[in-house]
Amino acid sequence: MPADLSSDARRQLLNAVTDLFLLDEAPSEASKEHYGEIATQSLVHLGQEDRIGYAGQVADVPTLPRNVAITLANDSDADVARLVLKLSPVLSDTDLAAIAVTQSQRHLVAIAERARLSEGLTDILVERGDRDVLQTVSSNGGATFSDQGFDTLLQRGGGDPDITGALSRRIDLAPQRAERVLRIVEQMADPTAGNVAAARTLARQARQQRLEVKLLLADLTAGIRSLDDVVTMLAEEDRAYHLAQVLAQAAAITPEQALRVLMQRDPSGIAVTCKSLGLGAPAFSAAMELRGRRLRFKAKDIEDAVRDYTRLDAATAERTLRFLKLRTKLS
């Protein structure tokens, strides 16, 4: 690229090559490398508004060269980086972790808004984040927390009613974590504002739901209810953790493993688990709808997952699940 190009000329060139690049749904590595070189060289010469506009255009593009995504995500201006940090499927956990330990709180908020957050990322967010970051990650149904990360979150944000309130409304918390949060909510409630009654109602509802799951599991064991009916009910009520408990008992895996395959972006794990259990397509579709709400999948992604599920061979799924369980025991 000529070094003497003006900023306006670089912007026009970048727009033109971007339009061409986005037309190719499966660009070659050479094409991606060439486009990435043009984009990264152009970005350093563009003003804020132009960088924001470009980032908005390519933020969720799955074929975007990684060096371009990293350049945008590391932009010192959080308005430029925000959408890429929130939406880009190109950025790995390692990329995001490196940004999370070096960039501003506004960058961290954008990361905390991602549809799926691993325990490693939430560990960093709750350690470095300010109130906005803690509140955002607490409200994010796609965020998972390690024991250490959850402890840190409660230590740093347990005195904030918005943060504890967001945690109390999560329906994917393990019972022990839910009890801790609800105790904090009850202790913080202001009797003069009528919040004690609301907190106690919330705690009672959470306990009732856990009792209901125990009864559902007992009914499944006794053959009183079908797995399809229970999965459909819990999925339609958006109760991810309780659904994971049911799948865990049926598949003889841990609730953590079941929740992981249920909420990871790749649907193959949950498809193999459900097919090995003989789950029908309508019940599997309900589970995919839950995933779609949580992970912000498009309707076509859900339709494709259900179509692939109907084609999945049950015997193959059973062998795969047995292999995965054996590998987990040996590791």
C-alpha atoms as a PDB file:
ATOM      1  CA  MET A   1       0.000   0.000   0.000  1.00  0.00           C
ATOM      2  CA  PRO A   2       1.452   3.428  -0.935  1.00  0.00           C
ATOM      3  CA  ALA A   3       2.705   5.278   2.153  1.00  0.00           C
ATOM      4  CA  ASP A   4       1.579   8.688   0.904  1.00  0.00           C
ATOM      5  CA  LEU A   5      -2.134   7.898   0.739  1.00  0.00           C
ATOM      6  CA  SER A   6      -4.352  10.399   2.531  1.00  0.00           C
ATOM      7  CA  SER A   7      -6.618   9.364   5.392  1.00  0.00           C
ATOM      8  CA  ASP A   8      -9.665   9.770   3.161  1.00  0.00           C
ATOM      9  CA  ALA A   9      -8.087   7.683   0.412  1.00  0.00           C
ATOM     10  CA  ARG A  10      -7.229   4.937   2.891  1.00  0.00           C
ATOM     11  CA  ARG A  11     -10.801   4.944   4.201  1.00  0.00           C
ATOM     12  CA  GLN A  12     -12.197   4.611   0.679  1.00  0.00           C
ATOM     13  CA  LEU A  13      -9.749   1.818  -0.154  1.00  0.00           C
ATOM     14  CA  LEU A  14     -10.599  -0.051   3.058  1.00  0.00           C
ATOM     15  CA  ASN A  15     -14.328   0.276   2.369  1.00  0.00           C
ATOM     16  CA  ALA A  16     -13.896  -1.034  -1.157  1.00  0.00           C
ATOM     17  CA  VAL A  17     -11.781  -4.060  -0.264  1.00  0.00           C
ATOM     18  CA  THR A  18     -14.041  -4.813   2.721  1.00  0.00           C
ATOM     19  CA  ASP A  19     -17.095  -4.917   0.476  1.00  0.00           C
ATOM     20  CA  LEU A  20     -15.298  -7.388  -1.780  1.00  0.00           C
ATOM     21  CA  PHE A  21     -13.977  -9.444   1.131  1.00  0.00           C
ATOM     22  CA  LEU A  22     -17.407  -9.810   2.750  1.00  0.00           C
ATOM     23  CA  LEU A  23     -18.881 -11.131  -0.501  1.00  0.00           C
ATOM     24  CA  ASP A  24     -16.702 -14.246  -0.175  1.00  0.00           C
ATOM     25  CA  GLU A  25     -18.259 -16.575   2.407  1.00  0.00           C
ATOM     26  CA  ALA A  26     -15.197 -18.853   2.453  1.00  0.00           C
ATOM     27  CA  PRO A  27     -12.104 -16.762   1.664  1.00  0.00           C
ATOM     28  CA  SER A  28      -8.778 -18.538   1.233  1.00  0.00           C
ATOM     29  CA  GLU A  29      -5.980 -18.075   3.749  1.00  0.00           C
ATOM     30  CA  ALA A  30      -4.074 -16.030   1.189  1.00  0.00           C
ATOM     31  CA  SER A  31      -7.084 -13.766   0.670  1.00  0.00           C
ATOM     32  CA  LYS A  32      -7.513 -13.320   4.421  1.00  0.00           C
ATOM     33  CA  GLU A  33      -3.823 -12.529   4.860  1.00  0.00           C
ATOM     34  CA  HIS A  34      -3.878  -9.957   2.070  1.00  0.00           C
ATOM     35  CA  TYR A  35      -7.050  -8.325   3.364  1.00  0.00           C
ATOM     36  CA  GLY A  36      -5.734  -8.328   6.924  1.00  0.00           C
ATOM     37  CA  GLU A  37      -2.589  -6.499   5.843  1.00  0.00           C
ATOM     38  CA  ILE A  38      -4.592  -3.780   4.083  1.00  0.00           C
ATOM     39  CA  ALA A  39      -7.001  -3.399   7.007  1.00  0.00           C
ATOM     40  CA  THR A  40      -4.411  -3.175   9.776  1.00  0.00           C
ATOM     41  CA  GLN A  41      -2.274  -0.708   7.820  1.00  0.00           C
ATOM     42  CA  SER A  42      -5.317   1.445   7.093  1.00  0.00           C
ATOM     43  CA  LEU A  43      -6.740   1.487  10.625  1.00  0.00           C
ATOM     44  CA  VAL A  44      -3.778   3.308  12.178  1.00  0.00           C
ATOM     45  CA  HIS A  45      -4.440   6.241   9.841  1.00  0.00           C
ATOM     46  CA  LEU A  46      -8.224   6.488  10.333  1.00  0.00           C
ATOM     47  CA  GLY A  47     -10.037   8.793  12.723  1.00  0.00           C
ATOM     48  CA  GLN A  48     -12.284   7.660  15.558  1.00  0.00           C
ATOM     49  CA  GLU A  49     -15.573   7.818  13.658  1.00  0.00           C
ATOM     50  CA  ASP A  50     -14.191   5.884  10.715  1.00  0.00           C
ATOM     51  CA  ARG A  51     -12.751   3.189  13.016  1.00  0.00           C
ATOM     52  CA  ILE A  52     -16.061   2.913  14.855  1.00  0.00           C
ATOM     53  CA  GLY A  53     -17.938   2.570  11.581  1.00  0.00           C
ATOM     54  CA  TYR A  54     -15.552  -0.083  10.293  1.00  0.00           C
ATOM     55  CA  ALA A  55     -15.681  -2.045  13.567  1.00  0.00           C
ATOM     56  CA  GLY A  56     -19.473  -2.088  13.447  1.00  0.00           C
ATOM     57  CA  GLN A  57     -19.346  -3.461   9.915  1.00  0.00           C
ATOM     58  CA  VAL A  58     -17.036  -6.409  10.659  1.00  0.00           C
ATOM     59  CA  ALA A  59     -17.532  -7.104  14.398  1.00  0.00           C
ATOM     60  CA  ASP A  60     -19.466 -10.365  14.014  1.00  0.00           C
ATOM     61  CA  VAL A  61     -17.873 -11.609  10.766  1.00  0.00           C
ATOM     62  CA  PRO A  62     -16.576 -15.155  11.371  1.00  0.00           C
ATOM     63  CA  THR A  63     -14.013 -14.964   8.537  1.00  0.00           C
ATOM     64  CA  LEU A  64     -12.418 -11.722   9.724  1.00  0.00           C
ATOM     65  CA  PRO A  65      -8.631 -12.164   9.928  1.00  0.00           C
ATOM     66  CA  ARG A  66      -7.568 -12.603  13.541  1.00  0.00           C
ATOM     67  CA  ASN A  67      -5.004  -9.800  13.388  1.00  0.00           C
ATOM     68  CA  VAL A  68      -7.744  -7.365  12.345  1.00  0.00           C
ATOM     69  CA  ALA A  69     -10.050  -8.493  15.171  1.00  0.00           C
ATOM     70  CA  ILE A  70      -7.224  -8.140  17.698  1.00  0.00           C
ATOM     71  CA  THR A  71      -6.284  -4.693  16.374  1.00  0.00           C
ATOM     72  CA  LEU A  72      -9.858  -3.472  16.750  1.00  0.00           C
ATOM     73  CA  ALA A  73     -10.387  -5.127  20.135  1.00  0.00           C
ATOM     74  CA  ASN A  74      -7.187  -3.543  21.477  1.00  0.00           C
ATOM     75  CA  ASP A  75      -8.078  -0.063  20.270  1.00  0.00           C
ATOM     76  CA  SER A  76      -7.543   2.329  23.171  1.00  0.00           C
ATOM     77  CA  ASP A  77     -10.898   3.910  22.326  1.00  0.00           C
ATOM     78  CA  ALA A  78     -13.520   1.616  23.885  1.00  0.00           C
ATOM     79  CA  ASP A  79     -16.159   2.869  21.440  1.00  0.00           C
ATOM     80  CA  VAL A  80     -14.115   1.318  18.633  1.00  0.00           C
ATOM     81  CA  ALA A  81     -13.378  -1.913  20.477  1.00  0.00           C
ATOM     82  CA  ARG A  82     -16.801  -2.478  22.075  1.00  0.00           C
ATOM     83  CA  LEU A  83     -18.722  -4.367  19.377  1.00  0.00           C
ATOM     84  CA  VAL A  84     -15.743  -6.519  18.426  1.00  0.00           C
ATOM     85  CA  LEU A  85     -15.147  -7.469  22.061  1.00  0.00           C
ATOM     86  CA  LYS A  86     -18.812  -8.256  22.502  1.00  0.00           C
ATOM     87  CA  LEU A  87     -19.566 -10.084  19.242  1.00  0.00           C
ATOM     88  CA  SER A  88     -16.467 -11.334  17.446  1.00  0.00           C
ATOM     89  CA  PRO A  89     -16.346 -15.144  17.077  1.00  0.00           C
ATOM     90  CA  VAL A  90     -12.726 -14.812  15.956  1.00  0.00           C
ATOM     91  CA  LEU A  91     -11.310 -13.797  19.339  1.00  0.00           C
ATOM     92  CA  SER A  92     -10.210 -16.688  21.527  1.00  0.00           C
ATOM     93  CA  ASP A  93     -10.332 -16.804  25.314  1.00  0.00           C
ATOM     94  CA  THR A  94      -6.586 -16.200  25.286  1.00  0.00           C
ATOM     95  CA  ASP A  95      -7.042 -13.067  23.156  1.00  0.00           C
ATOM     96  CA  LEU A  96      -9.809 -11.775  25.411  1.00  0.00           C
ATOM     97  CA  ALA A  97      -7.877 -12.549  28.593  1.00  0.00           C
ATOM     98  CA  ALA A  98      -4.878 -10.556  27.345  1.00  0.00           C
ATOM     99  CA  ILE A  99      -7.160  -7.596  26.647  1.00  0.00           C
ATOM    100  CA  ALA A 100      -8.967  -7.955  29.967  1.00  0.00           C
ATOM    101  CA  VAL A 101      -5.761  -7.586  31.971  1.00  0.00           C
ATOM    102  CA  THR A 102      -4.497  -4.530  30.093  1.00  0.00           C
ATOM    103  CA  GLN A 103      -7.399  -2.413  28.856  1.00  0.00           C
ATOM    104  CA  SER A 104      -9.936  -0.055  30.431  1.00  0.00           C
ATOM    105  CA  GLN A 105     -13.045  -0.810  32.443  1.00  0.00           C
ATOM    106  CA  ARG A 106     -15.200  -0.007  29.419  1.00  0.00           C
ATOM    107  CA  HIS A 107     -13.340  -2.704  27.491  1.00  0.00           C
ATOM    108  CA  LEU A 108     -14.080  -5.099  30.342  1.00  0.00           C
ATOM    109  CA  VAL A 109     -17.788  -4.247  30.255  1.00  0.00           C
ATOM    110  CA  ALA A 110     -17.871  -5.139  26.554  1.00  0.00           C
ATOM    111  CA  ILE A 111     -16.192  -8.480  27.240  1.00  0.00           C
ATOM    112  CA  ALA A 112     -18.661  -9.091  30.091  1.00  0.00           C
ATOM    113  CA  GLU A 113     -21.513  -8.713  27.570  1.00  0.00           C
ATOM    114  CA  ARG A 114     -20.378 -11.632  25.398  1.00  0.00           C
ATOM    115  CA  ALA A 115     -22.965 -14.356  24.920  1.00  0.00           C
ATOM    116  CA  ARG A 116     -20.669 -16.952  26.491  1.00  0.00           C
ATOM    117  CA  LEU A 117     -17.967 -16.404  29.112  1.00  0.00           C
ATOM    118  CA  SER A 118     -15.656 -19.119  30.391  1.00  0.00           C
ATOM    119  CA  GLU A 119     -14.592 -19.456  34.003  1.00  0.00           C
ATOM    120  CA  GLY A 120     -11.103 -18.206  33.119  1.00  0.00           C
ATOM    121  CA  LEU A 121     -12.482 -14.970  31.702  1.00  0.00           C
ATOM    122  CA  THR A 122     -14.924 -14.339  34.549  1.00  0.00           C
ATOM    123  CA  ASP A 123     -12.060 -14.888  37.020  1.00  0.00           C
ATOM    124  CA  ILE A 124     -10.277 -11.917  35.436  1.00  0.00           C
ATOM    125  CA  LEU A 125     -13.412  -9.779  35.115  1.00  0.00           C
ATOM    126  CA  VAL A 126     -14.449 -10.134  38.763  1.00  0.00           C
ATOM    127  CA  GLU A 127     -10.876  -9.501  39.926  1.00  0.00           C
ATOM    128  CA  ARG A 128     -10.220  -6.381  37.824  1.00  0.00           C
ATOM    129  CA  GLY A 129     -13.689  -5.074  37.101  1.00  0.00           C
ATOM    130  CA  ASP A 130     -15.417  -2.069  38.631  1.00  0.00           C
ATOM    131  CA  ARG A 131     -19.075  -1.973  39.671  1.00  0.00           C
ATOM    132  CA  ASP A 132     -20.341  -1.784  36.062  1.00  0.00           C
ATOM    133  CA  VAL A 133     -18.285  -4.818  35.082  1.00  0.00           C
ATOM    134  CA  LEU A 134     -19.414  -6.818  38.115  1.00  0.00           C
ATOM    135  CA  GLN A 135     -23.064  -5.958  37.516  1.00  0.00           C
ATOM    136  CA  THR A 136     -22.815  -6.831  33.812  1.00  0.00           C
ATOM    137  CA  VAL A 137     -21.164 -10.195  34.368  1.00  0.00           C
ATOM    138  CA  SER A 138     -23.593 -11.014  37.202  1.00  0.00           C
ATOM    139  CA  SER A 139     -26.511 -10.411  34.835  1.00  0.00           C
ATOM    140  CA  ASN A 140     -24.995 -12.409  31.978  1.00  0.00           C
ATOM    141  CA  GLY A 141     -26.760 -15.779  31.801  1.00  0.00           C
ATOM    142  CA  GLY A 142     -23.987 -17.128  29.580  1.00  0.00           C
ATOM    143  CA  ALA A 143     -21.245 -16.447  32.138  1.00  0.00           C
ATOM    144  CA  THR A 144     -19.836 -19.344  34.133  1.00  0.00           C
ATOM    145  CA  PHE A 145     -17.921 -18.916  37.399  1.00  0.00           C
ATOM    146  CA  SER A 146     -15.230 -20.955  39.075  1.00  0.00           C
ATOM    147  CA  ASP A 147     -15.503 -21.391  42.840  1.00  0.00           C
ATOM    148  CA  GLN A 148     -12.749 -18.827  43.307  1.00  0.00           C
ATOM    149  CA  GLY A 149     -14.346 -16.422  40.842  1.00  0.00           C
ATOM    150  CA  PHE A 150     -17.748 -16.700  42.495  1.00  0.00           C
ATOM    151  CA  ASP A 151     -16.187 -16.093  45.930  1.00  0.00           C
ATOM    152  CA  THR A 152     -14.390 -13.022  44.573  1.00  0.00           C
ATOM    153  CA  LEU A 153     -17.593 -11.727  43.015  1.00  0.00           C
ATOM    154  CA  LEU A 154     -19.438 -11.992  46.332  1.00  0.00           C
ATOM    155  CA  GLN A 155     -16.542 -10.458  48.254  1.00  0.00           C
ATOM    156  CA  ARG A 156     -16.290  -7.463  45.930  1.00  0.00           C
ATOM    157  CA  GLY A 157     -19.934  -7.052  44.946  1.00  0.00           C
ATOM    158  CA  GLY A 158     -21.864  -8.700  47.751  1.00  0.00           C
ATOM    159  CA  GLY A 159     -22.701  -5.359  49.306  1.00  0.00           C
ATOM    160  CA  ASP A 160     -24.223  -3.973  46.114  1.00  0.00           C
ATOM    161  CA  PRO A 161     -27.972  -4.672  45.825  1.00  0.00           C
ATOM    162  CA  ASP A 162     -27.912  -4.502  42.017  1.00  0.00           C
ATOM    163  CA  ILE A 163     -25.186  -7.151  41.800  1.00  0.00           C
ATOM    164  CA  THR A 164     -26.693  -9.498  44.379  1.00  0.00           C
ATOM    165  CA  GLY A 165     -30.118  -8.914  42.839  1.00  0.00           C
ATOM    166  CA  ALA A 166     -28.799  -9.918  39.418  1.00  0.00           C
ATOM    167  CA  LEU A 167     -27.233 -13.043  40.894  1.00  0.00           C
ATOM    168  CA  SER A 168     -30.420 -13.956  42.746  1.00  0.00           C
ATOM    169  CA  ARG A 169     -32.364 -13.908  39.474  1.00  0.00           C
ATOM    170  CA  ARG A 170     -29.990 -16.350  37.780  1.00  0.00           C
ATOM    171  CA  ILE A 171     -31.544 -19.782  37.366  1.00  0.00           C
ATOM    172  CA  ASP A 172     -28.303 -21.594  36.564  1.00  0.00           C
ATOM    173  CA  LEU A 173     -26.710 -21.314  40.012  1.00  0.00           C
ATOM    174  CA  ALA A 174     -25.905 -24.500  41.857  1.00  0.00           C
ATOM    175  CA  PRO A 175     -28.001 -24.854  45.043  1.00  0.00           C
ATOM    176  CA  GLN A 176     -25.126 -23.983  47.385  1.00  0.00           C
ATOM    177  CA  ARG A 177     -24.345 -20.790  45.485  1.00  0.00           C
ATOM    178  CA  ALA A 178     -28.002 -19.827  45.262  1.00  0.00           C
ATOM    179  CA  GLU A 179     -28.403 -20.214  49.031  1.00  0.00           C
ATOM    180  CA  ARG A 180     -25.397 -17.954  49.675  1.00  0.00           C
ATOM    181  CA  VAL A 181     -26.746 -15.250  47.394  1.00  0.00           C
ATOM    182  CA  LEU A 182     -30.262 -15.405  48.798  1.00  0.00           C
ATOM    183  CA  ARG A 183     -28.964 -15.129  52.364  1.00  0.00           C
ATOM    184  CA  ILE A 184     -27.110 -11.965  51.372  1.00  0.00           C
ATOM    185  CA  VAL A 185     -30.213 -10.575  49.673  1.00  0.00           C
ATOM    186  CA  GLU A 186     -32.315 -11.206  52.763  1.00  0.00           C
ATOM    187  CA  GLN A 187     -29.717  -9.604  55.030  1.00  0.00           C
ATOM    188  CA  MET A 188     -29.475  -6.522  52.804  1.00  0.00           C
ATOM    189  CA  ALA A 189     -33.223  -6.050  52.435  1.00  0.00           C
ATOM    190  CA  ASP A 190     -34.581  -2.772  53.853  1.00  0.00           C
ATOM    191  CA  PRO A 191     -37.612  -3.464  56.088  1.00  0.00           C
ATOM    192  CA  THR A 192     -38.931   0.079  55.573  1.00  0.00           C
ATOM    193  CA  ALA A 193     -38.992  -0.393  51.819  1.00  0.00           C
ATOM    194  CA  GLY A 194     -40.789  -3.718  51.863  1.00  0.00           C
ATOM    195  CA  ASN A 195     -37.757  -5.467  50.387  1.00  0.00           C
ATOM    196  CA  VAL A 196     -37.640  -8.151  53.059  1.00  0.00           C
ATOM    197  CA  ALA A 197     -40.881  -9.699  51.804  1.00  0.00           C
ATOM    198  CA  ALA A 198     -39.638  -9.591  48.197  1.00  0.00           C
ATOM    199  CA  ALA A 199     -36.329 -11.197  49.156  1.00  0.00           C
ATOM    200  CA  ARG A 200     -38.061 -13.932  51.130  1.00  0.00           C
ATOM    201  CA  THR A 201     -40.440 -14.578  48.237  1.00  0.00           C
ATOM    202  CA  LEU A 202     -37.474 -14.909  45.875  1.00  0.00           C
ATOM    203  CA  ALA A 203     -35.738 -17.294  48.273  1.00  0.00           C
ATOM    204  CA  ARG A 204     -38.908 -19.351  48.685  1.00  0.00           C
ATOM    205  CA  GLN A 205     -39.388 -19.610  44.924  1.00  0.00           C
ATOM    206  CA  ALA A 206     -35.784 -20.754  44.461  1.00  0.00           C
ATOM    207  CA  ARG A 207     -36.159 -23.430  47.128  1.00  0.00           C
ATOM    208  CA  GLN A 208     -39.462 -24.559  45.642  1.00  0.00           C
ATOM    209  CA  GLN A 209     -37.836 -24.933  42.239  1.00  0.00           C
ATOM    210  CA  ARG A 210     -35.051 -27.065  43.704  1.00  0.00           C
ATOM    211  CA  LEU A 211     -37.608 -29.261  45.480  1.00  0.00           C
ATOM    212  CA  GLU A 212     -39.535 -29.550  42.225  1.00  0.00           C
ATOM    213  CA  VAL A 213     -36.402 -30.776  40.427  1.00  0.00           C
ATOM    214  CA  LYS A 214     -35.856 -33.434  43.093  1.00  0.00           C
ATOM    215  CA  LEU A 215     -39.422 -34.627  42.575  1.00  0.00           C
ATOM    216  CA  LEU A 216     -38.983 -34.607  38.789  1.00  0.00           C
ATOM    217  CA  LEU A 217     -35.839 -36.704  39.109  1.00  0.00           C
ATOM    218  CA  ALA A 218     -37.685 -39.143  41.339  1.00  0.00           C
ATOM    219  CA  ASP A 219     -40.550 -39.333  38.841  1.00  0.00           C
ATOM    220  CA  LEU A 220     -38.083 -40.056  36.031  1.00  0.00           C
ATOM    221  CA  THR A 221     -36.496 -42.854  38.026  1.00  0.00           C
ATOM    222  CA  ALA A 222     -39.928 -44.330  38.762  1.00  0.00           C
ATOM    223  CA  GLY A 223     -41.052 -43.977  35.144  1.00  0.00           C
ATOM    224  CA  ILE A 224     -43.930 -41.668  36.094  1.00  0.00           C
ATOM    225  CA  ARG A 225     -42.738 -38.938  33.725  1.00  0.00           C
ATOM    226  CA  SER A 226     -40.929 -39.184  30.426  1.00  0.00           C
ATOM    227  CA  LEU A 227     -37.565 -37.547  29.864  1.00  0.00           C
ATOM    228  CA  ASP A 228     -38.985 -35.703  26.839  1.00  0.00           C
ATOM    229  CA  ASP A 229     -41.725 -34.089  28.933  1.00  0.00           C
ATOM    230  CA  VAL A 230     -39.342 -32.982  31.689  1.00  0.00           C
ATOM    231  CA  VAL A 231     -36.736 -31.613  29.267  1.00  0.00           C
ATOM    232  CA  THR A 232     -39.395 -29.697  27.348  1.00  0.00           C
ATOM    233  CA  MET A 233     -40.884 -28.192  30.504  1.00  0.00           C
ATOM    234  CA  LEU A 234     -37.563 -27.037  31.969  1.00  0.00           C
ATOM    235  CA  ALA A 235     -36.310 -25.736  28.612  1.00  0.00           C
ATOM    236  CA  GLU A 236     -39.483 -23.722  28.014  1.00  0.00           C
ATOM    237  CA  GLU A 237     -39.143 -22.239  31.524  1.00  0.00           C
ATOM    238  CA  ASP A 238     -35.512 -21.322  30.709  1.00  0.00           C
ATOM    239  CA  ARG A 239     -34.148 -23.282  33.678  1.00  0.00           C
ATOM    240  CA  ALA A 240     -30.727 -24.210  32.341  1.00  0.00           C
ATOM    241  CA  TYR A 241     -29.143 -25.500  35.533  1.00  0.00           C
ATOM    242  CA  HIS A 242     -32.158 -27.615  36.457  1.00  0.00           C
ATOM    243  CA  LEU A 243     -32.241 -29.025  32.935  1.00  0.00           C
ATOM    244  CA  ALA A 244     -28.549 -29.887  33.301  1.00  0.00           C
ATOM    245  CA  GLN A 245     -29.337 -31.734  36.546  1.00  0.00           C
ATOM    246  CA  VAL A 246     -31.936 -33.859  34.758  1.00  0.00           C
ATOM    247  CA  LEU A 247     -29.636 -34.645  31.838  1.00  0.00           C
ATOM    248  CA  ALA A 248     -26.801 -35.420  34.258  1.00  0.00           C
ATOM    249  CA  GLN A 249     -28.832 -38.044  36.109  1.00  0.00           C
ATOM    250  CA  ALA A 250     -30.137 -39.582  32.893  1.00  0.00           C
ATOM    251  CA  ALA A 251     -26.695 -39.733  31.238  1.00  0.00           C
ATOM    252  CA  ALA A 252     -24.722 -40.598  34.409  1.00  0.00           C
ATOM    253  CA  ILE A 253     -22.492 -37.535  34.175  1.00  0.00           C
ATOM    254  CA  THR A 254     -21.969 -34.643  36.588  1.00  0.00           C
ATOM    255  CA  PRO A 255     -24.291 -31.598  36.523  1.00  0.00           C
ATOM    256  CA  GLU A 256     -21.251 -29.455  35.664  1.00  0.00           C
ATOM    257  CA  GLN A 257     -20.484 -31.604  32.622  1.00  0.00           C
ATOM    258  CA  ALA A 258     -24.120 -31.509  31.552  1.00  0.00           C
ATOM    259  CA  LEU A 259     -24.297 -27.735  31.923  1.00  0.00           C
ATOM    260  CA  ARG A 260     -21.076 -27.379  29.947  1.00  0.00           C
ATOM    261  CA  VAL A 261     -22.337 -29.366  26.948  1.00  0.00           C
ATOM    262  CA  LEU A 262     -25.717 -27.649  27.159  1.00  0.00           C
ATOM    263  CA  MET A 263     -24.304 -24.123  27.059  1.00  0.00           C
ATOM    264  CA  GLN A 264     -21.179 -24.425  24.899  1.00  0.00           C
ATOM    265  CA  ARG A 265     -21.517 -22.854  21.462  1.00  0.00           C
ATOM    266  CA  ASP A 266     -20.828 -26.101  19.584  1.00  0.00           C
ATOM    267  CA  PRO A 267     -24.106 -28.111  19.688  1.00  0.00           C
ATOM    268  CA  SER A 268     -22.451 -31.477  19.025  1.00  0.00           C
ATOM    269  CA  GLY A 269     -21.951 -32.296  22.712  1.00  0.00           C
ATOM    270  CA  ILE A 270     -25.558 -31.734  23.743  1.00  0.00           C
ATOM    271  CA  ALA A 271     -26.761 -33.471  20.570  1.00  0.00           C
ATOM    272  CA  VAL A 272     -24.728 -36.605  21.348  1.00  0.00           C
ATOM    273  CA  THR A 273     -25.937 -36.593  24.969  1.00  0.00           C
ATOM    274  CA  CYS A 274     -29.607 -36.179  24.077  1.00  0.00           C
ATOM    275  CA  LYS A 275     -29.530 -38.689  21.212  1.00  0.00           C
ATOM    276  CA  SER A 276     -27.877 -41.307  23.419  1.00  0.00           C
ATOM    277  CA  LEU A 277     -30.766 -40.831  25.862  1.00  0.00           C
ATOM    278  CA  GLY A 278     -33.354 -41.317  23.114  1.00  0.00           C
ATOM    279  CA  LEU A 279     -34.680 -37.765  23.382  1.00  0.00           C
ATOM    280  CA  GLY A 280     -37.167 -36.914  20.649  1.00  0.00           C
ATOM    281  CA  ALA A 281     -36.666 -34.086  18.164  1.00  0.00           C
ATOM    282  CA  PRO A 282     -39.374 -31.812  19.706  1.00  0.00           C
ATOM    283  CA  ALA A 283     -37.757 -31.983  23.166  1.00  0.00           C
ATOM    284  CA  PHE A 284     -34.312 -31.434  21.673  1.00  0.00           C
ATOM    285  CA  SER A 285     -35.716 -28.455  19.770  1.00  0.00           C
ATOM    286  CA  ALA A 286     -36.967 -26.974  23.065  1.00  0.00           C
ATOM    287  CA  ALA A 287     -33.467 -27.327  24.503  1.00  0.00           C
ATOM    288  CA  MET A 288     -32.034 -25.617  21.416  1.00  0.00           C
ATOM    289  CA  GLU A 289     -34.487 -22.742  21.889  1.00  0.00           C
ATOM    290  CA  LEU A 290     -33.158 -22.304  25.426  1.00  0.00           C
ATOM    291  CA  ARG A 291     -29.615 -22.245  24.045  1.00  0.00           C
ATOM    292  CA  GLY A 292     -30.713 -19.751  21.419  1.00  0.00           C
ATOM    293  CA  ARG A 293     -32.063 -17.365  24.055  1.00  0.00           C
ATOM    294  CA  ARG A 294     -28.976 -17.674  26.216  1.00  0.00           C
ATOM    295  CA  LEU A 295     -26.301 -17.669  23.523  1.00  0.00           C
ATOM    296  CA  ARG A 296     -28.170 -15.403  21.090  1.00  0.00           C
ATOM    297  CA  PHE A 297     -28.245 -17.852  18.221  1.00  0.00           C
ATOM    298  CA  LYS A 298     -30.176 -17.094  15.081  1.00  0.00           C
ATOM    299  CA  ALA A 299     -33.304 -19.083  14.216  1.00  0.00           C
ATOM    300  CA  LYS A 300     -31.456 -20.755  11.335  1.00  0.00           C
ATOM    301  CA  ASP A 301     -28.727 -21.984  13.704  1.00  0.00           C
ATOM    302  CA  ILE A 302     -31.389 -23.672  15.832  1.00  0.00           C
ATOM    303  CA  GLU A 303     -33.090 -25.165  12.783  1.00  0.00           C
ATOM    304  CA  ASP A 304     -29.765 -26.522  11.510  1.00  0.00           C
ATOM    305  CA  ALA A 305     -28.973 -28.078  14.896  1.00  0.00           C
ATOM    306  CA  VAL A 306     -32.367 -29.813  15.043  1.00  0.00           C
ATOM    307  CA  ARG A 307     -32.028 -31.039  11.449  1.00  0.00           C
ATOM    308  CA  ASP A 308     -28.573 -32.481  12.188  1.00  0.00           C
ATOM    309  CA  TYR A 309     -29.959 -34.076  15.341  1.00  0.00           C
ATOM    310  CA  THR A 310     -32.610 -35.989  13.406  1.00  0.00           C
ATOM    311  CA  ARG A 311     -29.852 -37.370  11.175  1.00  0.00           C
ATOM    312  CA  LEU A 312     -27.563 -38.377  14.055  1.00  0.00           C
ATOM    313  CA  ASP A 313     -27.314 -42.132  14.520  1.00  0.00           C
ATOM    314  CA  ALA A 314     -28.282 -43.241  18.041  1.00  0.00           C
ATOM    315  CA  ALA A 315     -25.686 -46.019  18.197  1.00  0.00           C
ATOM    316  CA  THR A 316     -22.929 -43.602  17.179  1.00  0.00           C
ATOM    317  CA  ALA A 317     -24.085 -41.136  19.827  1.00  0.00           C
ATOM    318  CA  GLU A 318     -24.034 -43.838  22.525  1.00  0.00           C
ATOM    319  CA  ARG A 319     -20.498 -44.912  21.585  1.00  0.00           C
ATOM    320  CA  THR A 320     -19.330 -41.296  21.573  1.00  0.00           C
ATOM    321  CA  LEU A 321     -20.804 -40.593  24.990  1.00  0.00           C
ATOM    322  CA  ARG A 322     -19.230 -43.753  26.457  1.00  0.00           C
ATOM    323  CA  PHE A 323     -15.865 -42.711  25.046  1.00  0.00           C
ATOM    324  CA  LEU A 324     -16.174 -39.195  26.448  1.00  0.00           C
ATOM    325  CA  LYS A 325     -17.100 -40.493  29.902  1.00  0.00           C
ATOM    326  CA  LEU A 326     -14.160 -42.910  29.845  1.00  0.00           C
ATOM    327  CA  ARG A 327     -11.781 -40.163  28.768  1.00  0.00           C
ATOM    328  CA  THR A 328     -13.037 -37.949  31.612  1.00  0.00           C
ATOM    329  CA  LYS A 329     -12.388 -40.716  34.163  1.00  0.00           C
ATOM    330  CA  LEU A 330      -8.874 -41.276  32.865  1.00  0.00           C
ATOM    331  CA  SER A 331      -7.904 -37.608  32.734  1.00  0.00           C
END
